[in-house]
Amino acid sequence: MGLLFVGGVLFVNGMWLLGYGSNRDVAIFNFLVGLITFLIVLWWAFGGDASEGTAFNAAGTMLFSFTYLWIGANAIRGVDDQRSFGWYCGFVAVTALPTAYLVFLSGDLGLTGLWLLWAVLWAAFFVLLALERDDLTNPVGSFTAITGAVTAIGGYLMAAGFWPWA
């Protein structure tokens, strides 16, 4: 379920970067998805299903939660200088690479592909924001929307029980 909403917010964020949305609207959706994923993190880390391996899942999902909460906060406040968020995206991109490898070792090739895709996306945001490459806004926006669509499809397949690597 979480990845379906992550896909949705990535698509909306991509469209926002392309100029098809307002700060307030995008902030609301980012806060919603940040909260949903954070609640999933809490359940995996401390809930009734907390077990071996869920701390790893919770940590990875927390990267998403913090991303969307930060985007929402910056959007609603109208922050122009997002270099600090860009540096966070660089940290997440680096973290996503070994995460993809560990997921690969578990045999989930689809989720491995998603983690690699997200690593590239977070790296793109690092370049766009931390390195202040505004000339890349449109390509990063398009890539974000496409990544959102791919993520939403994966999340839907997982939620519906049709993920081939489950």
N, C-alpha and C. Protein backbone atom coordinates (compact mmCIF):
# COMPACT_ATOMS: atom_id res chain seq x y z
N MET A 1 0.82 -1.19 0.00
CA MET A 1 0.00 0.00 0.00
C MET A 1 0.87 1.26 0.00
N GLY A 2 1.92 1.24 0.81
CA GLY A 2 2.79 2.41 0.91
C GLY A 2 3.39 2.81 -0.43
N LEU A 3 3.84 1.82 -1.20
CA LEU A 3 4.48 2.13 -2.48
C LEU A 3 3.49 2.67 -3.50
N LEU A 4 2.23 2.29 -3.40
CA LEU A 4 1.22 2.87 -4.29
C LEU A 4 1.14 4.38 -4.06
N PHE A 5 1.12 4.79 -2.80
CA PHE A 5 1.07 6.22 -2.49
C PHE A 5 2.40 6.92 -2.80
N VAL A 6 3.51 6.23 -2.58
CA VAL A 6 4.81 6.79 -2.95
C VAL A 6 4.84 7.06 -4.45
N GLY A 7 4.34 6.12 -5.23
CA GLY A 7 4.28 6.32 -6.67
C GLY A 7 3.42 7.52 -7.04
N GLY A 8 2.29 7.63 -6.35
CA GLY A 8 1.41 8.77 -6.61
C GLY A 8 2.05 10.10 -6.30
N VAL A 9 2.73 10.17 -5.16
CA VAL A 9 3.35 11.45 -4.79
C VAL A 9 4.54 11.76 -5.68
N LEU A 10 5.27 10.75 -6.11
CA LEU A 10 6.37 11.00 -7.05
C LEU A 10 5.83 11.55 -8.37
N PHE A 11 4.74 10.97 -8.85
CA PHE A 11 4.15 11.46 -10.09
C PHE A 11 3.71 12.92 -9.93
N VAL A 12 3.01 13.21 -8.85
CA VAL A 12 2.54 14.58 -8.59
C VAL A 12 3.72 15.54 -8.44
N ASN A 13 4.77 15.11 -7.72
CA ASN A 13 5.95 15.96 -7.56
C ASN A 13 6.61 16.24 -8.90
N GLY A 14 6.65 15.23 -9.76
CA GLY A 14 7.22 15.43 -11.09
C GLY A 14 6.43 16.45 -11.89
N MET A 15 5.11 16.33 -11.83
CA MET A 15 4.26 17.28 -12.55
C MET A 15 4.41 18.68 -11.97
N TRP A 16 4.57 18.77 -10.65
CA TRP A 16 4.80 20.05 -9.98
C TRP A 16 6.09 20.70 -10.48
N LEU A 17 7.15 19.90 -10.58
CA LEU A 17 8.41 20.43 -11.09
C LEU A 17 8.27 20.93 -12.52
N LEU A 18 7.38 20.31 -13.27
CA LEU A 18 7.15 20.72 -14.66
C LEU A 18 6.20 21.91 -14.76
N GLY A 19 5.74 22.41 -13.60
CA GLY A 19 4.91 23.60 -13.59
C GLY A 19 3.41 23.34 -13.58
N TYR A 20 3.01 22.09 -13.33
CA TYR A 20 1.59 21.73 -13.35
C TYR A 20 1.03 21.50 -11.95
N GLY A 21 1.29 22.39 -11.03
CA GLY A 21 0.77 22.24 -9.67
C GLY A 21 1.19 23.41 -8.81
N SER A 22 0.52 23.52 -7.68
CA SER A 22 0.83 24.61 -6.75
C SER A 22 1.57 24.07 -5.53
N ASN A 23 2.30 24.94 -4.87
CA ASN A 23 3.05 24.55 -3.68
C ASN A 23 2.13 23.98 -2.60
N ARG A 24 1.02 24.64 -2.35
CA ARG A 24 0.12 24.19 -1.27
C ARG A 24 -0.46 22.81 -1.57
N ASP A 25 -0.88 22.57 -2.80
CA ASP A 25 -1.45 21.27 -3.14
C ASP A 25 -0.40 20.16 -3.03
N VAL A 26 0.78 20.42 -3.53
CA VAL A 26 1.82 19.40 -3.47
C VAL A 26 2.25 19.16 -2.03
N ALA A 27 2.23 20.20 -1.22
CA ALA A 27 2.60 20.06 0.20
C ALA A 27 1.64 19.11 0.91
N ILE A 28 0.35 19.25 0.66
CA ILE A 28 -0.64 18.41 1.32
C ILE A 28 -0.41 16.94 0.98
N PHE A 29 -0.21 16.63 -0.29
CA PHE A 29 -0.01 15.23 -0.69
C PHE A 29 1.30 14.68 -0.11
N ASN A 30 2.35 15.51 -0.09
CA ASN A 30 3.62 15.07 0.48
C ASN A 30 3.49 14.81 1.98
N PHE A 31 2.79 15.68 2.69
CA PHE A 31 2.56 15.45 4.12
C PHE A 31 1.77 14.16 4.33
N LEU A 32 0.74 13.93 3.53
CA LEU A 32 -0.07 12.72 3.65
C LEU A 32 0.77 11.47 3.44
N VAL A 33 1.55 11.43 2.38
CA VAL A 33 2.37 10.25 2.09
C VAL A 33 3.50 10.13 3.11
N GLY A 34 4.07 11.24 3.54
CA GLY A 34 5.08 11.18 4.60
C GLY A 34 4.51 10.58 5.87
N LEU A 35 3.29 10.95 6.22
CA LEU A 35 2.64 10.41 7.41
C LEU A 35 2.29 8.93 7.24
N ILE A 36 1.74 8.56 6.08
CA ILE A 36 1.41 7.15 5.83
C ILE A 36 2.65 6.29 5.94
N THR A 37 3.73 6.69 5.28
CA THR A 37 4.94 5.87 5.32
C THR A 37 5.57 5.87 6.71
N PHE A 38 5.44 6.97 7.43
CA PHE A 38 5.97 7.01 8.80
C PHE A 38 5.19 6.06 9.71
N LEU A 39 3.89 5.99 9.54
CA LEU A 39 3.08 5.04 10.32
C LEU A 39 3.47 3.60 10.00
N ILE A 40 3.77 3.34 8.73
CA ILE A 40 4.25 2.00 8.34
C ILE A 40 5.58 1.72 9.02
N VAL A 41 6.46 2.72 9.05
CA VAL A 41 7.76 2.58 9.73
C VAL A 41 7.54 2.20 11.20
N LEU A 42 6.67 2.93 11.87
CA LEU A 42 6.41 2.65 13.29
C LEU A 42 5.88 1.24 13.49
N TRP A 43 4.99 0.81 12.62
CA TRP A 43 4.43 -0.54 12.74
C TRP A 43 5.52 -1.59 12.54
N TRP A 44 6.33 -1.42 11.49
CA TRP A 44 7.39 -2.39 11.23
C TRP A 44 8.42 -2.42 12.35
N ALA A 45 8.73 -1.27 12.89
CA ALA A 45 9.78 -1.20 13.91
C ALA A 45 9.29 -1.61 15.29
N PHE A 46 8.04 -1.27 15.62
CA PHE A 46 7.58 -1.46 17.00
C PHE A 46 6.26 -2.19 17.15
N GLY A 47 5.54 -2.43 16.06
CA GLY A 47 4.20 -3.01 16.14
C GLY A 47 4.21 -4.51 16.34
N GLY A 48 3.03 -5.05 16.24
CA GLY A 48 2.84 -6.48 16.46
C GLY A 48 3.60 -7.36 15.47
N ASP A 49 3.91 -6.82 14.28
CA ASP A 49 4.64 -7.59 13.29
C ASP A 49 6.15 -7.39 13.37
N ALA A 50 6.62 -6.62 14.35
CA ALA A 50 8.05 -6.37 14.46
C ALA A 50 8.77 -7.70 14.62
N SER A 51 9.67 -7.98 13.71
CA SER A 51 10.40 -9.24 13.71
C SER A 51 11.73 -9.04 13.00
N GLU A 52 12.48 -10.09 12.91
CA GLU A 52 13.78 -10.00 12.24
C GLU A 52 13.59 -9.51 10.80
N GLY A 53 14.35 -8.52 10.41
CA GLY A 53 14.27 -7.98 9.05
C GLY A 53 13.41 -6.75 8.93
N THR A 54 12.46 -6.55 9.84
CA THR A 54 11.58 -5.40 9.69
C THR A 54 12.28 -4.09 10.05
N ALA A 55 13.30 -4.12 10.88
CA ALA A 55 14.05 -2.90 11.17
C ALA A 55 14.71 -2.38 9.89
N PHE A 56 15.21 -3.28 9.05
CA PHE A 56 15.79 -2.90 7.77
C PHE A 56 14.73 -2.26 6.87
N ASN A 57 13.56 -2.90 6.81
CA ASN A 57 12.46 -2.34 6.00
C ASN A 57 12.04 -0.98 6.54
N ALA A 58 11.96 -0.87 7.87
CA ALA A 58 11.55 0.39 8.49
C ALA A 58 12.56 1.49 8.17
N ALA A 59 13.84 1.18 8.24
CA ALA A 59 14.87 2.19 7.97
C ALA A 59 14.79 2.68 6.53
N GLY A 60 14.62 1.76 5.59
CA GLY A 60 14.50 2.15 4.19
C GLY A 60 13.28 3.01 3.94
N THR A 61 12.18 2.65 4.56
CA THR A 61 10.95 3.41 4.38
C THR A 61 11.04 4.77 5.04
N MET A 62 11.80 4.87 6.12
CA MET A 62 11.98 6.16 6.79
C MET A 62 12.68 7.15 5.86
N LEU A 63 13.54 6.68 4.97
CA LEU A 63 14.17 7.57 3.99
C LEU A 63 13.09 8.26 3.15
N PHE A 64 12.05 7.50 2.77
CA PHE A 64 10.94 8.07 2.01
C PHE A 64 10.14 9.03 2.86
N SER A 65 9.81 8.62 4.08
CA SER A 65 8.99 9.46 4.97
C SER A 65 9.62 10.83 5.14
N PHE A 66 10.90 10.84 5.46
CA PHE A 66 11.58 12.10 5.71
C PHE A 66 11.65 12.94 4.44
N THR A 67 11.84 12.28 3.29
CA THR A 67 11.87 12.99 2.01
C THR A 67 10.57 13.75 1.80
N TYR A 68 9.44 13.07 1.97
CA TYR A 68 8.15 13.71 1.65
C TYR A 68 7.75 14.74 2.70
N LEU A 69 8.10 14.50 3.95
CA LEU A 69 7.81 15.50 4.97
C LEU A 69 8.63 16.77 4.72
N TRP A 70 9.88 16.60 4.31
CA TRP A 70 10.74 17.75 4.02
C TRP A 70 10.24 18.50 2.78
N ILE A 71 9.86 17.77 1.73
CA ILE A 71 9.33 18.43 0.53
C ILE A 71 8.07 19.21 0.88
N GLY A 72 7.19 18.58 1.66
CA GLY A 72 5.96 19.26 2.06
C GLY A 72 6.24 20.53 2.84
N ALA A 73 7.18 20.45 3.78
CA ALA A 73 7.52 21.63 4.58
C ALA A 73 8.12 22.73 3.72
N ASN A 74 9.01 22.36 2.80
CA ASN A 74 9.61 23.37 1.93
C ASN A 74 8.58 23.99 0.99
N ALA A 75 7.67 23.16 0.49
CA ALA A 75 6.65 23.66 -0.45
C ALA A 75 5.71 24.63 0.24
N ILE A 76 5.25 24.28 1.42
CA ILE A 76 4.27 25.14 2.10
C ILE A 76 4.91 26.44 2.58
N ARG A 77 6.21 26.39 2.88
CA ARG A 77 6.92 27.60 3.31
C ARG A 77 7.48 28.40 2.15
N GLY A 78 7.43 27.83 0.93
CA GLY A 78 7.96 28.53 -0.24
C GLY A 78 9.46 28.70 -0.21
N VAL A 79 10.17 27.69 0.28
CA VAL A 79 11.63 27.76 0.39
C VAL A 79 12.26 27.76 -1.00
N ASP A 80 13.09 28.74 -1.26
CA ASP A 80 13.78 28.82 -2.55
C ASP A 80 15.12 28.08 -2.52
N ASP A 81 15.87 28.22 -1.44
CA ASP A 81 17.18 27.59 -1.32
C ASP A 81 17.00 26.19 -0.72
N GLN A 82 17.06 25.18 -1.58
CA GLN A 82 16.85 23.81 -1.13
C GLN A 82 18.14 22.98 -1.19
N ARG A 83 19.27 23.66 -1.04
CA ARG A 83 20.55 22.94 -1.08
C ARG A 83 20.66 21.91 0.03
N SER A 84 20.20 22.22 1.23
CA SER A 84 20.28 21.26 2.34
C SER A 84 19.48 20.01 2.02
N PHE A 85 18.29 20.18 1.48
CA PHE A 85 17.49 19.02 1.08
C PHE A 85 18.22 18.25 -0.03
N GLY A 86 18.88 18.96 -0.93
CA GLY A 86 19.65 18.31 -1.98
C GLY A 86 20.76 17.44 -1.42
N TRP A 87 21.44 17.93 -0.37
CA TRP A 87 22.49 17.12 0.26
C TRP A 87 21.89 15.88 0.93
N TYR A 88 20.71 16.03 1.52
CA TYR A 88 20.01 14.86 2.08
C TYR A 88 19.73 13.85 0.96
N CYS A 89 19.30 14.34 -0.20
CA CYS A 89 19.03 13.44 -1.33
C CYS A 89 20.29 12.70 -1.75
N GLY A 90 21.44 13.37 -1.69
CA GLY A 90 22.71 12.69 -1.99
C GLY A 90 22.98 11.57 -1.01
N PHE A 91 22.74 11.84 0.27
CA PHE A 91 22.90 10.81 1.30
C PHE A 91 21.98 9.62 1.03
N VAL A 92 20.74 9.90 0.67
CA VAL A 92 19.78 8.82 0.42
C VAL A 92 20.18 8.04 -0.83
N ALA A 93 20.66 8.72 -1.87
CA ALA A 93 21.09 8.03 -3.08
C ALA A 93 22.20 7.04 -2.77
N VAL A 94 23.15 7.46 -1.95
CA VAL A 94 24.26 6.58 -1.57
C VAL A 94 23.75 5.42 -0.72
N THR A 95 22.80 5.69 0.15
CA THR A 95 22.22 4.64 1.01
C THR A 95 21.39 3.66 0.20
N ALA A 96 20.74 4.13 -0.86
CA ALA A 96 19.88 3.27 -1.66
C ALA A 96 20.65 2.20 -2.43
N LEU A 97 21.91 2.47 -2.76
CA LEU A 97 22.68 1.49 -3.54
C LEU A 97 22.95 0.20 -2.78
N PRO A 98 23.50 0.24 -1.55
CA PRO A 98 23.66 -1.03 -0.83
C PRO A 98 22.32 -1.65 -0.45
N THR A 99 21.30 -0.81 -0.29
CA THR A 99 19.97 -1.34 -0.01
C THR A 99 19.50 -2.18 -1.19
N ALA A 100 19.71 -1.69 -2.40
CA ALA A 100 19.35 -2.45 -3.60
C ALA A 100 20.09 -3.79 -3.63
N TYR A 101 21.37 -3.77 -3.27
CA TYR A 101 22.15 -5.01 -3.26
C TYR A 101 21.60 -6.00 -2.24
N LEU A 102 21.29 -5.53 -1.05
CA LEU A 102 20.75 -6.42 -0.02
C LEU A 102 19.38 -6.97 -0.41
N VAL A 103 18.56 -6.15 -1.06
CA VAL A 103 17.27 -6.63 -1.55
C VAL A 103 17.49 -7.66 -2.65
N PHE A 104 18.49 -7.44 -3.50
CA PHE A 104 18.83 -8.41 -4.55
C PHE A 104 19.19 -9.76 -3.92
N LEU A 105 19.95 -9.73 -2.83
CA LEU A 105 20.32 -10.98 -2.16
C LEU A 105 19.10 -11.73 -1.63
N SER A 106 18.02 -11.01 -1.36
CA SER A 106 16.80 -11.65 -0.88
C SER A 106 16.02 -12.30 -2.02
N GLY A 107 16.39 -12.00 -3.26
CA GLY A 107 15.73 -12.61 -4.40
C GLY A 107 14.63 -11.78 -5.04
N ASP A 108 14.36 -10.59 -4.53
CA ASP A 108 13.29 -9.76 -5.09
C ASP A 108 13.88 -8.85 -6.16
N LEU A 109 13.89 -9.35 -7.39
CA LEU A 109 14.50 -8.60 -8.48
C LEU A 109 13.72 -7.33 -8.81
N GLY A 110 12.42 -7.37 -8.67
CA GLY A 110 11.61 -6.19 -8.95
C GLY A 110 11.90 -5.07 -7.97
N LEU A 111 11.94 -5.39 -6.68
CA LEU A 111 12.22 -4.37 -5.67
C LEU A 111 13.67 -3.89 -5.78
N THR A 112 14.56 -4.78 -6.19
CA THR A 112 15.94 -4.36 -6.46
C THR A 112 15.96 -3.28 -7.54
N GLY A 113 15.22 -3.53 -8.62
CA GLY A 113 15.14 -2.56 -9.71
C GLY A 113 14.56 -1.24 -9.24
N LEU A 114 13.53 -1.31 -8.38
CA LEU A 114 12.95 -0.08 -7.86
C LEU A 114 13.96 0.69 -7.01
N TRP A 115 14.71 -0.01 -6.15
CA TRP A 115 15.71 0.69 -5.32
C TRP A 115 16.78 1.34 -6.19
N LEU A 116 17.17 0.69 -7.29
CA LEU A 116 18.15 1.30 -8.19
C LEU A 116 17.55 2.53 -8.88
N LEU A 117 16.30 2.43 -9.28
CA LEU A 117 15.61 3.56 -9.90
C LEU A 117 15.52 4.73 -8.93
N TRP A 118 15.16 4.42 -7.67
CA TRP A 118 15.06 5.48 -6.66
C TRP A 118 16.43 6.09 -6.36
N ALA A 119 17.48 5.27 -6.38
CA ALA A 119 18.84 5.80 -6.15
C ALA A 119 19.19 6.82 -7.23
N VAL A 120 18.86 6.51 -8.48
CA VAL A 120 19.12 7.45 -9.57
C VAL A 120 18.27 8.71 -9.38
N LEU A 121 17.02 8.54 -8.97
CA LEU A 121 16.15 9.70 -8.77
C LEU A 121 16.68 10.60 -7.66
N TRP A 122 17.04 10.00 -6.52
CA TRP A 122 17.58 10.82 -5.43
C TRP A 122 18.89 11.49 -5.86
N ALA A 123 19.71 10.79 -6.66
CA ALA A 123 20.95 11.40 -7.16
C ALA A 123 20.62 12.58 -8.08
N ALA A 124 19.57 12.45 -8.87
CA ALA A 124 19.16 13.55 -9.74
C ALA A 124 18.74 14.76 -8.91
N PHE A 125 18.04 14.52 -7.80
CA PHE A 125 17.65 15.63 -6.93
C PHE A 125 18.86 16.23 -6.23
N PHE A 126 19.85 15.42 -5.93
CA PHE A 126 21.10 15.95 -5.38
C PHE A 126 21.71 16.95 -6.37
N VAL A 127 21.81 16.53 -7.62
CA VAL A 127 22.41 17.40 -8.64
C VAL A 127 21.56 18.66 -8.83
N LEU A 128 20.25 18.48 -8.93
CA LEU A 128 19.35 19.61 -9.16
C LEU A 128 19.41 20.62 -8.01
N LEU A 129 19.35 20.13 -6.78
CA LEU A 129 19.20 21.03 -5.63
C LEU A 129 20.52 21.39 -4.95
N ALA A 130 21.33 20.40 -4.60
CA ALA A 130 22.57 20.69 -3.89
C ALA A 130 23.57 21.41 -4.79
N LEU A 131 23.61 21.01 -6.06
CA LEU A 131 24.55 21.63 -7.00
C LEU A 131 23.91 22.78 -7.77
N GLU A 132 22.64 23.04 -7.46
CA GLU A 132 21.89 24.16 -8.03
C GLU A 132 21.91 24.18 -9.56
N ARG A 133 21.57 23.04 -10.14
CA ARG A 133 21.51 22.91 -11.60
C ARG A 133 20.06 23.10 -12.07
N ASP A 134 19.58 24.32 -11.98
CA ASP A 134 18.19 24.63 -12.35
C ASP A 134 17.88 24.27 -13.80
N ASP A 135 18.90 24.22 -14.65
CA ASP A 135 18.69 23.87 -16.05
C ASP A 135 18.20 22.43 -16.20
N LEU A 136 18.29 21.63 -15.14
CA LEU A 136 17.85 20.23 -15.19
C LEU A 136 16.45 20.03 -14.61
N THR A 137 15.77 21.12 -14.27
CA THR A 137 14.45 20.99 -13.64
C THR A 137 13.48 20.18 -14.49
N ASN A 138 13.37 20.47 -15.77
CA ASN A 138 12.42 19.74 -16.62
C ASN A 138 12.78 18.27 -16.79
N PRO A 139 14.03 17.93 -17.09
CA PRO A 139 14.34 16.50 -17.18
C PRO A 139 14.14 15.76 -15.86
N VAL A 140 14.51 16.39 -14.74
CA VAL A 140 14.32 15.75 -13.43
C VAL A 140 12.82 15.62 -13.14
N GLY A 141 12.04 16.63 -13.50
CA GLY A 141 10.59 16.55 -13.31
C GLY A 141 9.98 15.42 -14.11
N SER A 142 10.39 15.28 -15.36
CA SER A 142 9.88 14.18 -16.20
C SER A 142 10.29 12.82 -15.64
N PHE A 143 11.56 12.71 -15.24
CA PHE A 143 12.06 11.45 -14.67
C PHE A 143 11.32 11.12 -13.37
N THR A 144 11.02 12.13 -12.58
CA THR A 144 10.28 11.93 -11.33
C THR A 144 8.89 11.38 -11.61
N ALA A 145 8.19 11.97 -12.59
CA ALA A 145 6.85 11.51 -12.93
C ALA A 145 6.87 10.07 -13.45
N ILE A 146 7.85 9.75 -14.29
CA ILE A 146 7.97 8.38 -14.82
C ILE A 146 8.28 7.40 -13.69
N THR A 147 9.20 7.79 -12.81
CA THR A 147 9.54 6.94 -11.66
C THR A 147 8.30 6.74 -10.79
N GLY A 148 7.49 7.77 -10.64
CA GLY A 148 6.25 7.65 -9.88
C GLY A 148 5.31 6.63 -10.50
N ALA A 149 5.16 6.68 -11.81
CA ALA A 149 4.27 5.72 -12.48
C ALA A 149 4.78 4.29 -12.30
N VAL A 150 6.08 4.08 -12.48
CA VAL A 150 6.65 2.74 -12.30
C VAL A 150 6.48 2.27 -10.86
N THR A 151 6.73 3.16 -9.91
CA THR A 151 6.59 2.81 -8.49
C THR A 151 5.14 2.48 -8.15
N ALA A 152 4.20 3.27 -8.66
CA ALA A 152 2.78 3.03 -8.39
C ALA A 152 2.34 1.68 -8.94
N ILE A 153 2.81 1.33 -10.12
CA ILE A 153 2.47 0.02 -10.69
C ILE A 153 3.01 -1.09 -9.81
N GLY A 154 4.28 -0.95 -9.39
CA GLY A 154 4.87 -1.95 -8.50
C GLY A 154 4.11 -2.04 -7.18
N GLY A 155 3.78 -0.89 -6.59
CA GLY A 155 3.03 -0.88 -5.34
C GLY A 155 1.66 -1.51 -5.48
N TYR A 156 0.99 -1.23 -6.59
CA TYR A 156 -0.32 -1.82 -6.84
C TYR A 156 -0.22 -3.33 -6.96
N LEU A 157 0.76 -3.80 -7.73
CA LEU A 157 0.95 -5.25 -7.89
C LEU A 157 1.26 -5.92 -6.55
N MET A 158 2.07 -5.28 -5.72
CA MET A 158 2.38 -5.83 -4.40
C MET A 158 1.11 -5.89 -3.54
N ALA A 159 0.37 -4.78 -3.49
CA ALA A 159 -0.83 -4.72 -2.66
C ALA A 159 -1.89 -5.72 -3.12
N ALA A 160 -1.97 -5.94 -4.43
CA ALA A 160 -2.98 -6.85 -4.98
C ALA A 160 -2.54 -8.31 -4.92
N GLY A 161 -1.29 -8.55 -4.50
CA GLY A 161 -0.80 -9.93 -4.40
C GLY A 161 -0.30 -10.51 -5.70
N PHE A 162 0.02 -9.66 -6.67
CA PHE A 162 0.50 -10.14 -7.97
C PHE A 162 1.97 -9.83 -8.21
N TRP A 163 2.70 -9.47 -7.18
CA TRP A 163 4.13 -9.18 -7.32
C TRP A 163 4.83 -10.52 -7.56
N PRO A 164 5.50 -10.67 -8.70
CA PRO A 164 6.05 -12.00 -9.04
C PRO A 164 7.19 -12.47 -8.13
N TRP A 165 7.79 -11.56 -7.37
CA TRP A 165 8.92 -11.95 -6.54
C TRP A 165 8.55 -12.11 -5.07
N ALA A 166 7.26 -12.07 -4.77
CA ALA A 166 6.80 -12.17 -3.36
C ALA A 166 7.09 -13.55 -2.82
